[in-house]
Every structure is written in structure tokens, then in C-alpha cells.
Amino acid sequence: MATTTDSQAGPPLRPAFVFLGGLLAWFLSFIALWFLAELDCVTAVLEFTILGMPAALIVGLVITLLAAFTALAAGHIALMNGSGAGAENERPFVRTAGAVLNGLFVIAILAGGLPWLLLNTCS
């Protein structure tokens, strides 16, 4: 039994990651930053410094950047999956909505990580 592949088909659509990737990245970063702030205030686990900066600050920035890049990747996948090889494979709604939603979540993630640069976690 031979299988054939359609050379005109676009890349596989990943609607769950396209529409929920940024949302999940924002939610997980929000929960992780909240947990990190509580851990920093209640215990002395993060009392050391990394490159002269508090460890909680570095870990918070890493979490924020990883989540922002994940949402950015979801937007990039939306752009790449939205354009098929032919006119019958075009998915303009997926391309536009996925890119806009994930772009907004990148902004929300970066805005959520901004207090880690400006404020003390236990103030």
C-alpha cells in the first residue's frame, strides 16, 4: 500500500499552539513569578547573588524572557501556518488572529516582568 503526499499542502496547522501558546506562556509565567516572589519573601533560599544582582531578579527575568520567546514563537508559527502553498490552503484568519493574539501576550508578559526590574519583591 503506497502512500502519496500532496506537494501543494501547506505546513501542518497547530491551532492549539497558535491560539493558546501565548495564553499558556503568560499564565505559566504569571504563576511562576508569583511563586518566586512568595518564595523570595518567605524563605532565604534566594539570598545569594548572580553577577552582582539578586538571584530572584535573575530568575524572574529568565522566566519572563522564556515566556515572551514562547509567545513570540507561537505568533511566528501562526504566521508560517497561515500561508499555504496554494490559494486553497490560505488561512488568513489563523494568520492574523494568531499573530495578533500572541503579540498581545508578548506585551502582557513583558509588562508582567517589568516590576522585577523596578521594584523590590518584598516591598
N, C-alpha and C. Protein backbone atom coordinates (compact mmCIF):
# COMPACT_ATOMS: atom_id res chain seq x y z
N MET A 1 0.84 -1.16 0.00
CA MET A 1 0.00 0.00 0.00
C MET A 1 0.89 1.23 0.00
N ALA A 2 0.88 1.95 -1.05
CA ALA A 2 1.71 3.14 -1.18
C ALA A 2 0.93 4.36 -0.73
N THR A 3 1.64 5.25 -0.06
CA THR A 3 1.01 6.50 0.36
C THR A 3 1.59 7.62 -0.47
N THR A 4 0.77 8.57 -0.78
CA THR A 4 1.23 9.72 -1.54
C THR A 4 1.11 10.95 -0.68
N THR A 5 1.98 11.88 -0.92
CA THR A 5 1.92 13.14 -0.19
C THR A 5 1.54 14.24 -1.16
N ASP A 6 0.77 15.16 -0.69
CA ASP A 6 0.33 16.28 -1.52
C ASP A 6 1.39 17.38 -1.44
N SER A 7 2.03 17.66 -2.54
CA SER A 7 3.10 18.66 -2.54
C SER A 7 2.54 20.07 -2.44
N GLN A 8 1.24 20.25 -2.68
CA GLN A 8 0.64 21.57 -2.59
C GLN A 8 0.16 21.91 -1.18
N ALA A 9 0.15 20.94 -0.28
CA ALA A 9 -0.34 21.19 1.07
C ALA A 9 0.64 22.08 1.82
N GLY A 10 0.09 22.98 2.62
CA GLY A 10 0.90 23.86 3.43
C GLY A 10 1.42 23.14 4.66
N PRO A 11 2.12 23.84 5.51
CA PRO A 11 2.62 23.22 6.73
C PRO A 11 1.44 22.81 7.62
N PRO A 12 1.64 21.83 8.47
CA PRO A 12 0.53 21.38 9.31
C PRO A 12 0.08 22.48 10.26
N LEU A 13 -1.20 22.61 10.41
CA LEU A 13 -1.77 23.63 11.28
C LEU A 13 -1.77 23.13 12.71
N ARG A 14 -1.30 23.96 13.60
CA ARG A 14 -1.28 23.63 15.02
C ARG A 14 -2.16 24.64 15.75
N PRO A 15 -3.49 24.49 15.64
CA PRO A 15 -4.37 25.53 16.20
C PRO A 15 -4.26 25.67 17.71
N ALA A 16 -3.98 24.59 18.41
CA ALA A 16 -3.87 24.70 19.87
C ALA A 16 -2.68 25.58 20.24
N PHE A 17 -1.54 25.39 19.61
CA PHE A 17 -0.38 26.21 19.93
C PHE A 17 -0.51 27.61 19.36
N VAL A 18 -1.14 27.74 18.20
CA VAL A 18 -1.29 29.05 17.56
C VAL A 18 -2.17 29.96 18.41
N PHE A 19 -3.29 29.43 18.91
CA PHE A 19 -4.21 30.28 19.65
C PHE A 19 -3.99 30.25 21.16
N LEU A 20 -3.40 29.18 21.70
CA LEU A 20 -3.25 29.08 23.14
C LEU A 20 -1.80 29.17 23.61
N GLY A 21 -0.84 29.22 22.70
CA GLY A 21 0.57 29.26 23.10
C GLY A 21 0.91 30.49 23.92
N GLY A 22 0.51 31.65 23.46
CA GLY A 22 0.78 32.88 24.20
C GLY A 22 0.03 32.95 25.51
N LEU A 23 -1.22 32.49 25.50
CA LEU A 23 -2.02 32.49 26.72
C LEU A 23 -1.40 31.58 27.78
N LEU A 24 -1.00 30.38 27.38
CA LEU A 24 -0.38 29.46 28.34
C LEU A 24 0.97 29.98 28.83
N ALA A 25 1.73 30.60 27.93
CA ALA A 25 3.02 31.16 28.35
C ALA A 25 2.81 32.30 29.35
N TRP A 26 1.84 33.16 29.10
CA TRP A 26 1.54 34.24 30.04
C TRP A 26 1.08 33.69 31.38
N PHE A 27 0.15 32.73 31.35
CA PHE A 27 -0.39 32.16 32.58
C PHE A 27 0.70 31.48 33.41
N LEU A 28 1.52 30.68 32.76
CA LEU A 28 2.57 29.97 33.49
C LEU A 28 3.63 30.93 34.03
N SER A 29 3.95 31.98 33.27
CA SER A 29 4.92 32.95 33.77
C SER A 29 4.33 33.75 34.93
N PHE A 30 3.04 34.08 34.87
CA PHE A 30 2.39 34.79 35.96
C PHE A 30 2.42 33.97 37.24
N ILE A 31 2.06 32.69 37.15
CA ILE A 31 2.07 31.81 38.31
C ILE A 31 3.50 31.61 38.82
N ALA A 32 4.45 31.41 37.91
CA ALA A 32 5.85 31.19 38.32
C ALA A 32 6.43 32.44 38.99
N LEU A 33 6.13 33.63 38.48
CA LEU A 33 6.65 34.85 39.09
C LEU A 33 6.00 35.09 40.45
N TRP A 34 4.72 34.78 40.57
CA TRP A 34 4.05 34.92 41.86
C TRP A 34 4.68 33.96 42.88
N PHE A 35 4.88 32.71 42.47
CA PHE A 35 5.50 31.72 43.35
C PHE A 35 6.92 32.15 43.73
N LEU A 36 7.66 32.68 42.77
CA LEU A 36 9.02 33.13 43.03
C LEU A 36 9.04 34.29 44.02
N ALA A 37 8.10 35.22 43.89
CA ALA A 37 8.03 36.35 44.82
C ALA A 37 7.69 35.87 46.23
N GLU A 38 6.77 34.93 46.33
CA GLU A 38 6.43 34.37 47.64
C GLU A 38 7.61 33.62 48.24
N LEU A 39 8.31 32.85 47.42
CA LEU A 39 9.47 32.11 47.88
C LEU A 39 10.57 33.05 48.34
N ASP A 40 10.75 34.14 47.63
CA ASP A 40 11.80 35.10 47.97
C ASP A 40 11.47 35.83 49.27
N CYS A 41 10.21 36.12 49.51
CA CYS A 41 9.84 36.87 50.71
C CYS A 41 9.77 36.00 51.96
N VAL A 42 9.36 34.76 51.81
CA VAL A 42 9.12 33.92 52.97
C VAL A 42 10.39 33.18 53.41
N THR A 43 11.18 32.71 52.45
CA THR A 43 12.36 31.92 52.80
C THR A 43 13.63 32.66 52.41
N ALA A 44 14.73 32.11 52.80
CA ALA A 44 16.04 32.69 52.47
C ALA A 44 16.73 31.87 51.39
N VAL A 45 15.96 31.19 50.55
CA VAL A 45 16.53 30.32 49.53
C VAL A 45 17.26 31.13 48.46
N LEU A 46 16.74 32.29 48.12
CA LEU A 46 17.33 33.09 47.04
C LEU A 46 18.10 34.30 47.56
N GLU A 47 18.82 34.15 48.65
CA GLU A 47 19.55 35.26 49.25
C GLU A 47 20.92 35.50 48.60
N PHE A 48 21.32 34.68 47.68
CA PHE A 48 22.64 34.85 47.06
C PHE A 48 22.54 35.75 45.83
N THR A 49 23.68 36.11 45.27
CA THR A 49 23.71 36.98 44.09
C THR A 49 24.32 36.23 42.91
N ILE A 50 23.91 36.65 41.73
CA ILE A 50 24.46 36.14 40.48
C ILE A 50 24.94 37.35 39.69
N LEU A 51 26.23 37.41 39.43
CA LEU A 51 26.83 38.54 38.72
C LEU A 51 26.53 39.87 39.39
N GLY A 52 26.50 39.86 40.71
CA GLY A 52 26.27 41.08 41.47
C GLY A 52 24.81 41.49 41.60
N MET A 53 23.89 40.71 41.07
CA MET A 53 22.46 41.03 41.18
C MET A 53 21.78 39.94 41.99
N PRO A 54 20.68 40.29 42.67
CA PRO A 54 19.97 39.26 43.46
C PRO A 54 19.50 38.11 42.58
N ALA A 55 19.54 36.91 43.15
CA ALA A 55 19.16 35.72 42.39
C ALA A 55 17.69 35.76 41.98
N ALA A 56 16.82 36.30 42.82
CA ALA A 56 15.39 36.38 42.49
C ALA A 56 15.19 37.25 41.25
N LEU A 57 15.95 38.31 41.12
CA LEU A 57 15.85 39.18 39.94
C LEU A 57 16.26 38.43 38.68
N ILE A 58 17.35 37.71 38.74
CA ILE A 58 17.83 36.97 37.57
C ILE A 58 16.84 35.88 37.18
N VAL A 59 16.34 35.13 38.17
CA VAL A 59 15.39 34.05 37.87
C VAL A 59 14.10 34.63 37.31
N GLY A 60 13.63 35.74 37.86
CA GLY A 60 12.42 36.39 37.35
C GLY A 60 12.58 36.87 35.92
N LEU A 61 13.73 37.42 35.60
CA LEU A 61 13.97 37.87 34.23
C LEU A 61 14.08 36.70 33.26
N VAL A 62 14.68 35.61 33.70
CA VAL A 62 14.78 34.43 32.84
C VAL A 62 13.39 33.85 32.56
N ILE A 63 12.56 33.77 33.59
CA ILE A 63 11.19 33.28 33.40
C ILE A 63 10.44 34.17 32.42
N THR A 64 10.57 35.48 32.59
CA THR A 64 9.89 36.43 31.72
C THR A 64 10.35 36.30 30.28
N LEU A 65 11.65 36.22 30.07
CA LEU A 65 12.17 36.12 28.70
C LEU A 65 11.81 34.79 28.04
N LEU A 66 11.84 33.70 28.79
CA LEU A 66 11.44 32.41 28.22
C LEU A 66 9.97 32.42 27.81
N ALA A 67 9.13 32.98 28.65
CA ALA A 67 7.70 33.05 28.32
C ALA A 67 7.46 33.97 27.13
N ALA A 68 8.17 35.09 27.07
CA ALA A 68 7.99 36.02 25.94
C ALA A 68 8.44 35.38 24.63
N PHE A 69 9.55 34.66 24.66
CA PHE A 69 10.01 33.99 23.44
C PHE A 69 9.08 32.85 23.04
N THR A 70 8.44 32.19 24.01
CA THR A 70 7.47 31.15 23.69
C THR A 70 6.26 31.74 23.00
N ALA A 71 5.74 32.85 23.52
CA ALA A 71 4.61 33.52 22.88
C ALA A 71 5.00 34.05 21.50
N LEU A 72 6.22 34.55 21.37
CA LEU A 72 6.69 35.02 20.08
C LEU A 72 6.79 33.88 19.08
N ALA A 73 7.23 32.72 19.54
CA ALA A 73 7.30 31.54 18.67
C ALA A 73 5.92 31.11 18.24
N ALA A 74 4.94 31.19 19.14
CA ALA A 74 3.57 30.84 18.77
C ALA A 74 3.03 31.79 17.70
N GLY A 75 3.35 33.06 17.81
CA GLY A 75 2.96 34.02 16.78
C GLY A 75 3.65 33.75 15.46
N HIS A 76 4.91 33.36 15.52
CA HIS A 76 5.64 33.03 14.30
C HIS A 76 5.05 31.79 13.62
N ILE A 77 4.67 30.80 14.42
CA ILE A 77 4.04 29.61 13.85
C ILE A 77 2.69 29.97 13.24
N ALA A 78 1.98 30.89 13.86
CA ALA A 78 0.71 31.34 13.27
C ALA A 78 0.94 31.98 11.91
N LEU A 79 1.98 32.79 11.81
CA LEU A 79 2.28 33.43 10.52
C LEU A 79 2.71 32.42 9.48
N MET A 80 3.51 31.45 9.89
CA MET A 80 4.01 30.46 8.94
C MET A 80 2.91 29.48 8.52
N ASN A 81 2.04 29.08 9.45
CA ASN A 81 0.99 28.13 9.13
C ASN A 81 -0.18 28.78 8.43
N GLY A 82 -0.30 30.08 8.53
CA GLY A 82 -1.42 30.75 7.89
C GLY A 82 -1.28 30.85 6.39
N SER A 83 -0.09 30.79 5.89
CA SER A 83 0.10 30.90 4.44
C SER A 83 0.43 29.53 3.87
N GLY A 84 -0.47 29.03 3.07
CA GLY A 84 -0.27 27.72 2.44
C GLY A 84 0.46 27.85 1.13
N ALA A 85 0.63 26.72 0.47
CA ALA A 85 1.36 26.72 -0.81
C ALA A 85 0.49 27.23 -1.94
N GLY A 86 -0.81 27.06 -1.84
CA GLY A 86 -1.70 27.50 -2.89
C GLY A 86 -2.83 28.34 -2.32
N ALA A 87 -3.65 28.88 -3.22
CA ALA A 87 -4.75 29.74 -2.78
C ALA A 87 -5.78 28.97 -1.96
N GLU A 88 -5.93 27.68 -2.23
CA GLU A 88 -6.91 26.89 -1.48
C GLU A 88 -6.44 26.58 -0.06
N ASN A 89 -5.14 26.75 0.22
CA ASN A 89 -4.61 26.47 1.55
C ASN A 89 -4.41 27.72 2.39
N GLU A 90 -4.77 28.87 1.88
CA GLU A 90 -4.61 30.10 2.64
C GLU A 90 -5.55 30.11 3.84
N ARG A 91 -5.02 30.52 4.99
CA ARG A 91 -5.81 30.62 6.22
C ARG A 91 -5.58 32.00 6.82
N PRO A 92 -6.21 33.03 6.23
CA PRO A 92 -5.92 34.40 6.70
C PRO A 92 -6.38 34.66 8.13
N PHE A 93 -7.47 34.03 8.56
CA PHE A 93 -7.91 34.26 9.94
C PHE A 93 -6.92 33.70 10.94
N VAL A 94 -6.41 32.50 10.66
CA VAL A 94 -5.44 31.89 11.56
C VAL A 94 -4.17 32.74 11.61
N ARG A 95 -3.74 33.19 10.46
CA ARG A 95 -2.52 34.01 10.40
C ARG A 95 -2.70 35.30 11.17
N THR A 96 -3.78 36.01 10.91
CA THR A 96 -3.98 37.32 11.53
C THR A 96 -4.30 37.20 13.02
N ALA A 97 -5.27 36.38 13.35
CA ALA A 97 -5.69 36.27 14.76
C ALA A 97 -4.59 35.68 15.62
N GLY A 98 -3.92 34.66 15.14
CA GLY A 98 -2.84 34.06 15.93
C GLY A 98 -1.69 35.01 16.16
N ALA A 99 -1.31 35.75 15.14
CA ALA A 99 -0.20 36.69 15.28
C ALA A 99 -0.57 37.84 16.22
N VAL A 100 -1.79 38.37 16.09
CA VAL A 100 -2.21 39.48 16.93
C VAL A 100 -2.35 39.04 18.39
N LEU A 101 -3.00 37.90 18.61
CA LEU A 101 -3.17 37.42 19.99
C LEU A 101 -1.83 37.16 20.66
N ASN A 102 -0.94 36.49 19.96
CA ASN A 102 0.35 36.20 20.57
C ASN A 102 1.20 37.44 20.73
N GLY A 103 1.06 38.41 19.84
CA GLY A 103 1.75 39.68 20.02
C GLY A 103 1.27 40.41 21.26
N LEU A 104 -0.03 40.37 21.50
CA LEU A 104 -0.56 40.99 22.72
C LEU A 104 -0.09 40.26 23.97
N PHE A 105 0.03 38.95 23.88
CA PHE A 105 0.53 38.21 25.05
C PHE A 105 2.02 38.46 25.28
N VAL A 106 2.79 38.70 24.24
CA VAL A 106 4.20 39.08 24.44
C VAL A 106 4.27 40.38 25.21
N ILE A 107 3.43 41.36 24.84
CA ILE A 107 3.40 42.64 25.56
C ILE A 107 2.98 42.42 27.00
N ALA A 108 1.95 41.58 27.23
CA ALA A 108 1.48 41.32 28.60
C ALA A 108 2.55 40.63 29.44
N ILE A 109 3.29 39.71 28.84
CA ILE A 109 4.34 39.01 29.58
C ILE A 109 5.46 39.97 29.95
N LEU A 110 5.87 40.80 29.00
CA LEU A 110 6.93 41.76 29.30
C LEU A 110 6.48 42.79 30.33
N ALA A 111 5.21 43.20 30.27
CA ALA A 111 4.69 44.12 31.27
C ALA A 111 4.60 43.46 32.64
N GLY A 112 4.31 42.17 32.67
CA GLY A 112 4.28 41.46 33.94
C GLY A 112 5.66 41.25 34.54
N GLY A 113 6.67 41.20 33.70
CA GLY A 113 8.04 41.04 34.19
C GLY A 113 8.74 42.35 34.52
N LEU A 114 8.14 43.46 34.12
CA LEU A 114 8.75 44.77 34.37
C LEU A 114 8.93 45.08 35.85
N PRO A 115 7.98 44.73 36.73
CA PRO A 115 8.21 45.01 38.15
C PRO A 115 9.44 44.31 38.73
N TRP A 116 9.88 43.23 38.13
CA TRP A 116 11.09 42.57 38.62
C TRP A 116 12.32 43.44 38.43
N LEU A 117 12.29 44.32 37.44
CA LEU A 117 13.41 45.24 37.24
C LEU A 117 13.32 46.48 38.11
N LEU A 118 12.10 46.93 38.38
CA LEU A 118 11.91 48.23 39.02
C LEU A 118 11.64 48.18 40.51
N LEU A 119 11.05 47.09 41.01
CA LEU A 119 10.59 47.05 42.39
C LEU A 119 11.30 45.96 43.18
N ASN A 120 11.25 46.11 44.47
CA ASN A 120 11.73 45.07 45.38
C ASN A 120 10.61 44.05 45.53
N THR A 121 10.93 42.77 45.55
CA THR A 121 9.88 41.75 45.59
C THR A 121 9.12 41.73 46.91
N CYS A 122 9.72 42.13 47.98
CA CYS A 122 9.06 42.06 49.30
C CYS A 122 8.64 43.41 49.82
N SER A 123 8.45 44.38 48.97
CA SER A 123 8.08 45.72 49.46
C SER A 123 6.58 45.85 49.60
